[in-house]
Amino acid sequence: AAIALENARLFNDLGQEISERKRAEQLIKTSLEEKE
């Protein structure tokens, strides 16, 4: 149960990190397009 809970927490954290990276990538892409 502890392993499952920890994996769930890590999976959730990873999902949030991926979302943040996607937002950052989109900001960079938008900025690059504006500069172009």
PDB file of all heavy atoms in Angstrom:
ATOM      1  N   ALA A   1       0.844  -1.204   0.000  1.00  0.00           N
ATOM      2  CA  ALA A   1       0.000   0.000   0.000  1.00  0.00           C
ATOM      3  C   ALA A   1       0.875   1.248   0.000  1.00  0.00           C
ATOM      4  O   ALA A   1       0.598   2.221  -0.720  1.00  0.00           O
ATOM      5  CB  ALA A   1      -0.929  -0.011   1.204  1.00  0.00           C
ATOM      6  N   ALA A   2       1.957   1.231   0.785  1.00  0.00           N
ATOM      7  CA  ALA A   2       2.863   2.378   0.833  1.00  0.00           C
ATOM      8  C   ALA A   2       3.518   2.604  -0.528  1.00  0.00           C
ATOM      9  O   ALA A   2       3.629   3.740  -1.009  1.00  0.00           O
ATOM     10  CB  ALA A   2       3.921   2.165   1.913  1.00  0.00           C
ATOM     11  N   ILE A   3       3.938   1.505  -1.153  1.00  0.00           N
ATOM     12  CA  ILE A   3       4.553   1.620  -2.483  1.00  0.00           C
ATOM     13  C   ILE A   3       3.545   2.172  -3.480  1.00  0.00           C
ATOM     14  O   ILE A   3       3.861   3.060  -4.281  1.00  0.00           O
ATOM     15  CB  ILE A   3       5.099   0.239  -2.936  1.00  0.00           C
ATOM     16  CG1 ILE A   3       6.315  -0.138  -2.088  1.00  0.00           C
ATOM     17  CG2 ILE A   3       5.445   0.242  -4.424  1.00  0.00           C
ATOM     18  CD1 ILE A   3       6.778  -1.576  -2.274  1.00  0.00           C
ATOM     19  N   ALA A   4       2.319   1.687  -3.438  1.00  0.00           N
ATOM     20  CA  ALA A   4       1.277   2.168  -4.352  1.00  0.00           C
ATOM     21  C   ALA A   4       0.995   3.648  -4.117  1.00  0.00           C
ATOM     22  O   ALA A   4       0.869   4.422  -5.076  1.00  0.00           O
ATOM     23  CB  ALA A   4       0.010   1.343  -4.172  1.00  0.00           C
ATOM     24  N   LEU A   5       0.910   4.061  -2.841  1.00  0.00           N
ATOM     25  CA  LEU A   5       0.664   5.475  -2.531  1.00  0.00           C
ATOM     26  C   LEU A   5       1.827   6.352  -3.008  1.00  0.00           C
ATOM     27  O   LEU A   5       1.621   7.427  -3.589  1.00  0.00           O
ATOM     28  CB  LEU A   5       0.451   5.668  -1.025  1.00  0.00           C
ATOM     29  CG  LEU A   5      -0.884   5.184  -0.477  1.00  0.00           C
ATOM     30  CD1 LEU A   5      -0.872   5.228   1.058  1.00  0.00           C
ATOM     31  CD2 LEU A   5      -2.021   6.031  -1.015  1.00  0.00           C
ATOM     32  N   GLU A   6       3.041   5.896  -2.775  1.00  0.00           N
ATOM     33  CA  GLU A   6       4.216   6.670  -3.206  1.00  0.00           C
ATOM     34  C   GLU A   6       4.270   6.752  -4.728  1.00  0.00           C
ATOM     35  O   GLU A   6       4.562   7.809  -5.281  1.00  0.00           O
ATOM     36  CB  GLU A   6       5.503   6.038  -2.648  1.00  0.00           C
ATOM     37  CG  GLU A   6       6.745   6.842  -2.894  1.00  0.00           C
ATOM     38  CD  GLU A   6       6.768   8.204  -2.195  1.00  0.00           C
ATOM     39  OE1 GLU A   6       5.936   8.492  -1.322  1.00  0.00           O
ATOM     40  OE2 GLU A   6       7.657   9.011  -2.559  1.00  0.00           O
ATOM     41  N   ASN A   7       3.983   5.650  -5.403  1.00  0.00           N
ATOM     42  CA  ASN A   7       3.954   5.673  -6.869  1.00  0.00           C
ATOM     43  C   ASN A   7       2.878   6.630  -7.384  1.00  0.00           C
ATOM     44  O   ASN A   7       3.099   7.353  -8.356  1.00  0.00           O
ATOM     45  CB  ASN A   7       3.722   4.263  -7.426  1.00  0.00           C
ATOM     46  CG  ASN A   7       4.962   3.400  -7.354  1.00  0.00           C
ATOM     47  OD1 ASN A   7       6.068   3.902  -7.183  1.00  0.00           O
ATOM     48  ND2 ASN A   7       4.778   2.090  -7.473  1.00  0.00           N
ATOM     49  N   ALA A   8       1.738   6.626  -6.742  1.00  0.00           N
ATOM     50  CA  ALA A   8       0.653   7.533  -7.137  1.00  0.00           C
ATOM     51  C   ALA A   8       1.092   8.985  -6.956  1.00  0.00           C
ATOM     52  O   ALA A   8       0.836   9.837  -7.814  1.00  0.00           O
ATOM     53  CB  ALA A   8      -0.605   7.241  -6.334  1.00  0.00           C
ATOM     54  N   ARG A   9       1.758   9.256  -5.812  1.00  0.00           N
ATOM     55  CA  ARG A   9       2.248  10.617  -5.575  1.00  0.00           C
ATOM     56  C   ARG A   9       3.268  11.018  -6.622  1.00  0.00           C
ATOM     57  O   ARG A   9       3.216  12.121  -7.194  1.00  0.00           O
ATOM     58  CB  ARG A   9       2.862  10.725  -4.173  1.00  0.00           C
ATOM     59  CG  ARG A   9       3.270  12.170  -3.808  1.00  0.00           C
ATOM     60  CD  ARG A   9       4.116  12.225  -2.551  1.00  0.00           C
ATOM     61  NE  ARG A   9       5.382  11.528  -2.688  1.00  0.00           N
ATOM     62  CZ  ARG A   9       6.463  12.020  -3.326  1.00  0.00           C
ATOM     63  NH1 ARG A   9       6.398  13.187  -3.916  1.00  0.00           N
ATOM     64  NH2 ARG A   9       7.572  11.325  -3.380  1.00  0.00           N
ATOM     65  N   LEU A  10       4.224  10.128  -6.909  1.00  0.00           N
ATOM     66  CA  LEU A  10       5.247  10.407  -7.910  1.00  0.00           C
ATOM     67  C   LEU A  10       4.634  10.602  -9.295  1.00  0.00           C
ATOM     68  O   LEU A  10       5.029  11.489 -10.044  1.00  0.00           O
ATOM     69  CB  LEU A  10       6.293   9.282  -7.945  1.00  0.00           C
ATOM     70  CG  LEU A  10       7.214   9.185  -6.728  1.00  0.00           C
ATOM     71  CD1 LEU A  10       8.050   7.916  -6.804  1.00  0.00           C
ATOM     72  CD2 LEU A  10       8.106  10.410  -6.609  1.00  0.00           C
ATOM     73  N   PHE A  11       3.657   9.765  -9.634  1.00  0.00           N
ATOM     74  CA  PHE A  11       2.975   9.882 -10.914  1.00  0.00           C
ATOM     75  C   PHE A  11       2.262  11.235 -11.018  1.00  0.00           C
ATOM     76  O   PHE A  11       2.313  11.905 -12.052  1.00  0.00           O
ATOM     77  CB  PHE A  11       1.984   8.730 -11.086  1.00  0.00           C
ATOM     78  CG  PHE A  11       1.324   8.702 -12.427  1.00  0.00           C
ATOM     79  CD1 PHE A  11       2.011   8.258 -13.548  1.00  0.00           C
ATOM     80  CD2 PHE A  11       0.007   9.134 -12.577  1.00  0.00           C
ATOM     81  CE1 PHE A  11       1.401   8.242 -14.794  1.00  0.00           C
ATOM     82  CE2 PHE A  11      -0.598   9.120 -13.815  1.00  0.00           C
ATOM     83  CZ  PHE A  11       0.089   8.667 -14.929  1.00  0.00           C
ATOM     84  N   ASN A  12       1.618  11.646  -9.948  1.00  0.00           N
ATOM     85  CA  ASN A  12       0.941  12.939  -9.917  1.00  0.00           C
ATOM     86  C   ASN A  12       1.952  14.072 -10.081  1.00  0.00           C
ATOM     87  O   ASN A  12       1.732  15.014 -10.846  1.00  0.00           O
ATOM     88  CB  ASN A  12       0.152  13.088  -8.611  1.00  0.00           C
ATOM     89  CG  ASN A  12      -0.676  14.352  -8.603  1.00  0.00           C
ATOM     90  OD1 ASN A  12      -1.280  14.715  -9.597  1.00  0.00           O
ATOM     91  ND2 ASN A  12      -0.687  15.032  -7.468  1.00  0.00           N
ATOM     92  N   ASP A  13       3.074  13.987  -9.340  1.00  0.00           N
ATOM     93  CA  ASP A  13       4.123  15.008  -9.450  1.00  0.00           C
ATOM     94  C   ASP A  13       4.674  15.083 -10.876  1.00  0.00           C
ATOM     95  O   ASP A  13       4.906  16.168 -11.414  1.00  0.00           O
ATOM     96  CB  ASP A  13       5.267  14.724  -8.474  1.00  0.00           C
ATOM     97  CG  ASP A  13       4.874  14.939  -7.017  1.00  0.00           C
ATOM     98  OD1 ASP A  13       3.773  15.481  -6.773  1.00  0.00           O
ATOM     99  OD2 ASP A  13       5.677  14.562  -6.132  1.00  0.00           O
ATOM    100  N   LEU A  14       4.881  13.909 -11.470  1.00  0.00           N
ATOM    101  CA  LEU A  14       5.387  13.854 -12.834  1.00  0.00           C
ATOM    102  C   LEU A  14       4.397  14.498 -13.806  1.00  0.00           C
ATOM    103  O   LEU A  14       4.788  15.252 -14.699  1.00  0.00           O
ATOM    104  CB  LEU A  14       5.652  12.399 -13.237  1.00  0.00           C
ATOM    105  CG  LEU A  14       6.236  12.174 -14.622  1.00  0.00           C
ATOM    106  CD1 LEU A  14       7.599  12.832 -14.754  1.00  0.00           C
ATOM    107  CD2 LEU A  14       6.331  10.685 -14.914  1.00  0.00           C
ATOM    108  N   GLY A  15       3.128  14.225 -13.611  1.00  0.00           N
ATOM    109  CA  GLY A  15       2.101  14.834 -14.456  1.00  0.00           C
ATOM    110  C   GLY A  15       2.120  16.352 -14.358  1.00  0.00           C
ATOM    111  O   GLY A  15       2.000  17.052 -15.362  1.00  0.00           O
ATOM    112  N   GLN A  16       2.275  16.860 -13.125  1.00  0.00           N
ATOM    113  CA  GLN A  16       2.343  18.309 -12.940  1.00  0.00           C
ATOM    114  C   GLN A  16       3.597  18.890 -13.592  1.00  0.00           C
ATOM    115  O   GLN A  16       3.542  19.943 -14.228  1.00  0.00           O
ATOM    116  CB  GLN A  16       2.314  18.648 -11.448  1.00  0.00           C
ATOM    117  CG  GLN A  16       0.974  18.427 -10.807  1.00  0.00           C
ATOM    118  CD  GLN A  16       0.990  18.693  -9.304  1.00  0.00           C
ATOM    119  OE1 GLN A  16       2.035  18.896  -8.708  1.00  0.00           O
ATOM    120  NE2 GLN A  16      -0.188  18.671  -8.699  1.00  0.00           N
ATOM    121  N   GLU A  17       4.718  18.181 -13.456  1.00  0.00           N
ATOM    122  CA  GLU A  17       5.967  18.652 -14.057  1.00  0.00           C
ATOM    123  C   GLU A  17       5.852  18.673 -15.582  1.00  0.00           C
ATOM    124  O   GLU A  17       6.291  19.625 -16.223  1.00  0.00           O
ATOM    125  CB  GLU A  17       7.130  17.754 -13.632  1.00  0.00           C
ATOM    126  CG  GLU A  17       8.475  18.269 -14.105  1.00  0.00           C
ATOM    127  CD  GLU A  17       9.638  17.434 -13.603  1.00  0.00           C
ATOM    128  OE1 GLU A  17       9.566  16.904 -12.478  1.00  0.00           O
ATOM    129  OE2 GLU A  17      10.621  17.322 -14.354  1.00  0.00           O
ATOM    130  N   ILE A  18       5.237  17.634 -16.143  1.00  0.00           N
ATOM    131  CA  ILE A  18       5.046  17.596 -17.594  1.00  0.00           C
ATOM    132  C   ILE A  18       4.163  18.755 -18.040  1.00  0.00           C
ATOM    133  O   ILE A  18       4.455  19.423 -19.039  1.00  0.00           O
ATOM    134  CB  ILE A  18       4.464  16.234 -18.027  1.00  0.00           C
ATOM    135  CG1 ILE A  18       5.525  15.139 -17.875  1.00  0.00           C
ATOM    136  CG2 ILE A  18       3.931  16.292 -19.456  1.00  0.00           C
ATOM    137  CD1 ILE A  18       4.997  13.729 -18.065  1.00  0.00           C
ATOM    138  N   SER A  19       3.107  19.027 -17.298  1.00  0.00           N
ATOM    139  CA  SER A  19       2.213  20.147 -17.633  1.00  0.00           C
ATOM    140  C   SER A  19       2.961  21.472 -17.578  1.00  0.00           C
ATOM    141  O   SER A  19       2.803  22.325 -18.458  1.00  0.00           O
ATOM    142  CB  SER A  19       1.027  20.191 -16.682  1.00  0.00           C
ATOM    143  OG  SER A  19       0.219  19.048 -16.849  1.00  0.00           O
ATOM    144  N   GLU A  20       3.769  21.652 -16.543  1.00  0.00           N
ATOM    145  CA  GLU A  20       4.552  22.887 -16.418  1.00  0.00           C
ATOM    146  C   GLU A  20       5.542  23.027 -17.565  1.00  0.00           C
ATOM    147  O   GLU A  20       5.727  24.116 -18.121  1.00  0.00           O
ATOM    148  CB  GLU A  20       5.283  22.911 -15.074  1.00  0.00           C
ATOM    149  CG  GLU A  20       4.362  23.111 -13.885  1.00  0.00           C
ATOM    150  CD  GLU A  20       5.075  22.931 -12.539  1.00  0.00           C
ATOM    151  OE1 GLU A  20       6.321  22.855 -12.509  1.00  0.00           O
ATOM    152  OE2 GLU A  20       4.370  22.856 -11.524  1.00  0.00           O
ATOM    153  N   ARG A  21       6.187  21.933 -17.929  1.00  0.00           N
ATOM    154  CA  ARG A  21       7.137  21.976 -19.051  1.00  0.00           C
ATOM    155  C   ARG A  21       6.423  22.311 -20.357  1.00  0.00           C
ATOM    156  O   ARG A  21       6.944  23.065 -21.173  1.00  0.00           O
ATOM    157  CB  ARG A  21       7.872  20.650 -19.185  1.00  0.00           C
ATOM    158  CG  ARG A  21       8.959  20.490 -18.171  1.00  0.00           C
ATOM    159  CD  ARG A  21       9.768  19.246 -18.422  1.00  0.00           C
ATOM    160  NE  ARG A  21      10.770  19.108 -17.383  1.00  0.00           N
ATOM    161  CZ  ARG A  21      11.933  18.555 -17.576  1.00  0.00           C
ATOM    162  NH1 ARG A  21      12.252  18.082 -18.749  1.00  0.00           N
ATOM    163  NH2 ARG A  21      12.788  18.463 -16.590  1.00  0.00           N
ATOM    164  N   LYS A  22       5.249  21.729 -20.558  1.00  0.00           N
ATOM    165  CA  LYS A  22       4.493  22.028 -21.774  1.00  0.00           C
ATOM    166  C   LYS A  22       4.120  23.501 -21.830  1.00  0.00           C
ATOM    167  O   LYS A  22       4.194  24.130 -22.883  1.00  0.00           O
ATOM    168  CB  LYS A  22       3.248  21.144 -21.862  1.00  0.00           C
ATOM    169  CG  LYS A  22       3.553  19.726 -22.291  1.00  0.00           C
ATOM    170  CD  LYS A  22       2.282  18.900 -22.442  1.00  0.00           C
ATOM    171  CE  LYS A  22       2.602  17.495 -22.897  1.00  0.00           C
ATOM    172  NZ  LYS A  22       1.405  16.663 -23.040  1.00  0.00           N
ATOM    173  N   ARG A  23       3.709  24.046 -20.683  1.00  0.00           N
ATOM    174  CA  ARG A  23       3.385  25.480 -20.641  1.00  0.00           C
ATOM    175  C   ARG A  23       4.619  26.312 -20.942  1.00  0.00           C
ATOM    176  O   ARG A  23       4.552  27.280 -21.712  1.00  0.00           O
ATOM    177  CB  ARG A  23       2.816  25.859 -19.271  1.00  0.00           C
ATOM    178  CG  ARG A  23       1.338  25.563 -19.114  1.00  0.00           C
ATOM    179  CD  ARG A  23       0.756  26.207 -17.864  1.00  0.00           C
ATOM    180  NE  ARG A  23       1.330  25.689 -16.626  1.00  0.00           N
ATOM    181  CZ  ARG A  23       0.900  24.623 -15.979  1.00  0.00           C
ATOM    182  NH1 ARG A  23      -0.122  23.951 -16.448  1.00  0.00           N
ATOM    183  NH2 ARG A  23       1.478  24.226 -14.863  1.00  0.00           N
ATOM    184  N   ALA A  24       5.760  25.934 -20.360  1.00  0.00           N
ATOM    185  CA  ALA A  24       7.012  26.668 -20.603  1.00  0.00           C
ATOM    186  C   ALA A  24       7.415  26.563 -22.070  1.00  0.00           C
ATOM    187  O   ALA A  24       7.824  27.562 -22.677  1.00  0.00           O
ATOM    188  CB  ALA A  24       8.120  26.139 -19.696  1.00  0.00           C
ATOM    189  N   GLU A  25       7.294  25.376 -22.657  1.00  0.00           N
ATOM    190  CA  GLU A  25       7.619  25.193 -24.067  1.00  0.00           C
ATOM    191  C   GLU A  25       6.714  26.039 -24.950  1.00  0.00           C
ATOM    192  O   GLU A  25       7.161  26.624 -25.932  1.00  0.00           O
ATOM    193  CB  GLU A  25       7.499  23.715 -24.461  1.00  0.00           C
ATOM    194  CG  GLU A  25       8.632  22.851 -23.960  1.00  0.00           C
ATOM    195  CD  GLU A  25       8.427  21.369 -24.262  1.00  0.00           C
ATOM    196  OE1 GLU A  25       7.519  21.016 -25.060  1.00  0.00           O
ATOM    197  OE2 GLU A  25       9.184  20.562 -23.703  1.00  0.00           O
ATOM    198  N   GLN A  26       5.443  26.102 -24.596  1.00  0.00           N
ATOM    199  CA  GLN A  26       4.510  26.911 -25.384  1.00  0.00           C
ATOM    200  C   GLN A  26       4.871  28.394 -25.287  1.00  0.00           C
ATOM    201  O   GLN A  26       4.811  29.112 -26.280  1.00  0.00           O
ATOM    202  CB  GLN A  26       3.064  26.675 -24.912  1.00  0.00           C
ATOM    203  CG  GLN A  26       2.031  27.378 -25.766  1.00  0.00           C
ATOM    204  CD  GLN A  26       2.077  26.981 -27.225  1.00  0.00           C
ATOM    205  OE1 GLN A  26       2.222  25.829 -27.565  1.00  0.00           O
ATOM    206  NE2 GLN A  26       1.982  27.961 -28.103  1.00  0.00           N
ATOM    207  N   LEU A  27       5.244  28.844 -24.081  1.00  0.00           N
ATOM    208  CA  LEU A  27       5.665  30.236 -23.926  1.00  0.00           C
ATOM    209  C   LEU A  27       6.900  30.524 -24.767  1.00  0.00           C
ATOM    210  O   LEU A  27       6.996  31.569 -25.428  1.00  0.00           O
ATOM    211  CB  LEU A  27       5.948  30.546 -22.452  1.00  0.00           C
ATOM    212  CG  LEU A  27       4.739  30.694 -21.540  1.00  0.00           C
ATOM    213  CD1 LEU A  27       5.173  30.826 -20.080  1.00  0.00           C
ATOM    214  CD2 LEU A  27       3.913  31.913 -21.947  1.00  0.00           C
ATOM    215  N   ILE A  28       7.856  29.607 -24.745  1.00  0.00           N
ATOM    216  CA  ILE A  28       9.077  29.783 -25.533  1.00  0.00           C
ATOM    217  C   ILE A  28       8.744  29.797 -27.021  1.00  0.00           C
ATOM    218  O   ILE A  28       9.249  30.633 -27.778  1.00  0.00           O
ATOM    219  CB  ILE A  28      10.105  28.676 -25.198  1.00  0.00           C
ATOM    220  CG1 ILE A  28      10.655  28.886 -23.789  1.00  0.00           C
ATOM    221  CG2 ILE A  28      11.233  28.647 -26.212  1.00  0.00           C
ATOM    222  CD1 ILE A  28      11.473  27.716 -23.265  1.00  0.00           C
ATOM    223  N   LYS A  29       7.880  28.879 -27.451  1.00  0.00           N
ATOM    224  CA  LYS A  29       7.481  28.802 -28.858  1.00  0.00           C
ATOM    225  C   LYS A  29       6.790  30.095 -29.289  1.00  0.00           C
ATOM    226  O   LYS A  29       7.089  30.646 -30.350  1.00  0.00           O
ATOM    227  CB  LYS A  29       6.561  27.601 -29.065  1.00  0.00           C
ATOM    228  CG  LYS A  29       6.174  27.376 -30.501  1.00  0.00           C
ATOM    229  CD  LYS A  29       5.276  26.152 -30.627  1.00  0.00           C
ATOM    230  CE  LYS A  29       4.810  25.977 -32.058  1.00  0.00           C
ATOM    231  NZ  LYS A  29       3.852  24.893 -32.201  1.00  0.00           N
ATOM    232  N   THR A  30       5.883  30.586 -28.454  1.00  0.00           N
ATOM    233  CA  THR A  30       5.178  31.831 -28.770  1.00  0.00           C
ATOM    234  C   THR A  30       6.152  32.996 -28.849  1.00  0.00           C
ATOM    235  O   THR A  30       6.085  33.818 -29.772  1.00  0.00           O
ATOM    236  CB  THR A  30       4.092  32.113 -27.704  1.00  0.00           C
ATOM    237  OG1 THR A  30       3.184  31.015 -27.679  1.00  0.00           O
ATOM    238  CG2 THR A  30       3.353  33.395 -27.998  1.00  0.00           C
ATOM    239  N   SER A  31       7.076  33.053 -27.901  1.00  0.00           N
ATOM    240  CA  SER A  31       8.075  34.115 -27.900  1.00  0.00           C
ATOM    241  C   SER A  31       8.948  34.049 -29.148  1.00  0.00           C
ATOM    242  O   SER A  31       9.244  35.077 -29.768  1.00  0.00           O
ATOM    243  CB  SER A  31       8.941  34.001 -26.643  1.00  0.00           C
ATOM    244  OG  SER A  31       9.962  34.960 -26.645  1.00  0.00           O
ATOM    245  N   LEU A  32       9.347  32.843 -29.524  1.00  0.00           N
ATOM    246  CA  LEU A  32      10.164  32.669 -30.721  1.00  0.00           C
ATOM    247  C   LEU A  32       9.402  33.107 -31.966  1.00  0.00           C
ATOM    248  O   LEU A  32       9.966  33.791 -32.838  1.00  0.00           O
ATOM    249  CB  LEU A  32      10.611  31.212 -30.848  1.00  0.00           C
ATOM    250  CG  LEU A  32      11.511  30.869 -32.024  1.00  0.00           C
ATOM    251  CD1 LEU A  32      12.804  31.668 -31.955  1.00  0.00           C
ATOM    252  CD2 LEU A  32      11.812  29.377 -32.032  1.00  0.00           C
ATOM    253  N   GLU A  33       8.141  32.743 -32.050  1.00  0.00           N
ATOM    254  CA  GLU A  33       7.325  33.149 -33.203  1.00  0.00           C
ATOM    255  C   GLU A  33       7.206  34.671 -33.270  1.00  0.00           C
ATOM    256  O   GLU A  33       7.297  35.265 -34.355  1.00  0.00           O
ATOM    257  CB  GLU A  33       5.940  32.504 -33.127  1.00  0.00           C
ATOM    258  CG  GLU A  33       5.946  31.018 -33.412  1.00  0.00           C
ATOM    259  CD  GLU A  33       4.623  30.334 -33.089  1.00  0.00           C
ATOM    260  OE1 GLU A  33       3.700  30.994 -32.540  1.00  0.00           O
ATOM    261  OE2 GLU A  33       4.515  29.124 -33.375  1.00  0.00           O
ATOM    262  N   GLU A  34       7.028  35.313 -32.121  1.00  0.00           N
ATOM    263  CA  GLU A  34       6.947  36.774 -32.087  1.00  0.00           C
ATOM    264  C   GLU A  34       8.264  37.392 -32.544  1.00  0.00           C
ATOM    265  O   GLU A  34       8.269  38.359 -33.315  1.00  0.00           O
ATOM    266  CB  GLU A  34       6.612  37.252 -30.674  1.00  0.00           C
ATOM    267  CG  GLU A  34       5.190  36.955 -30.242  1.00  0.00           C
ATOM    268  CD  GLU A  34       4.944  37.247 -28.766  1.00  0.00           C
ATOM    269  OE1 GLU A  34       5.898  37.621 -28.048  1.00  0.00           O
ATOM    270  OE2 GLU A  34       3.794  37.095 -28.328  1.00  0.00           O
ATOM    271  N   LYS A  35       9.369  36.822 -32.089  1.00  0.00           N
ATOM    272  CA  LYS A  35      10.683  37.348 -32.485  1.00  0.00           C
ATOM    273  C   LYS A  35      10.923  37.147 -33.971  1.00  0.00           C
ATOM    274  O   LYS A  35      11.507  38.015 -34.625  1.00  0.00           O
ATOM    275  CB  LYS A  35      11.780  36.696 -31.657  1.00  0.00           C
ATOM    276  CG  LYS A  35      11.797  37.228 -30.250  1.00  0.00           C
ATOM    277  CD  LYS A  35      12.872  36.618 -29.406  1.00  0.00           C
ATOM    278  CE  LYS A  35      12.804  37.305 -28.049  1.00  0.00           C
ATOM    279  NZ  LYS A  35      13.186  36.569 -26.964  1.00  0.00           N
ATOM    280  N   GLU A  36      10.474  36.023 -34.518  1.00  0.00           N
ATOM    281  CA  GLU A  36      10.623  35.789 -35.958  1.00  0.00           C
ATOM    282  C   GLU A  36       9.818  36.802 -36.762  1.00  0.00           C
ATOM    283  O   GLU A  36      10.283  37.308 -37.779  1.00  0.00           O
ATOM    284  CB  GLU A  36      10.222  34.361 -36.311  1.00  0.00           C
ATOM    285  CG  GLU A  36      11.239  33.324 -35.876  1.00  0.00           C
ATOM    286  CD  GLU A  36      10.779  31.883 -36.087  1.00  0.00           C
ATOM    287  OE1 GLU A  36       9.598  31.668 -36.456  1.00  0.00           O
ATOM    288  OE2 GLU A  36      11.605  30.991 -35.878  1.00  0.00           O
TER     289      GLU A  36
END
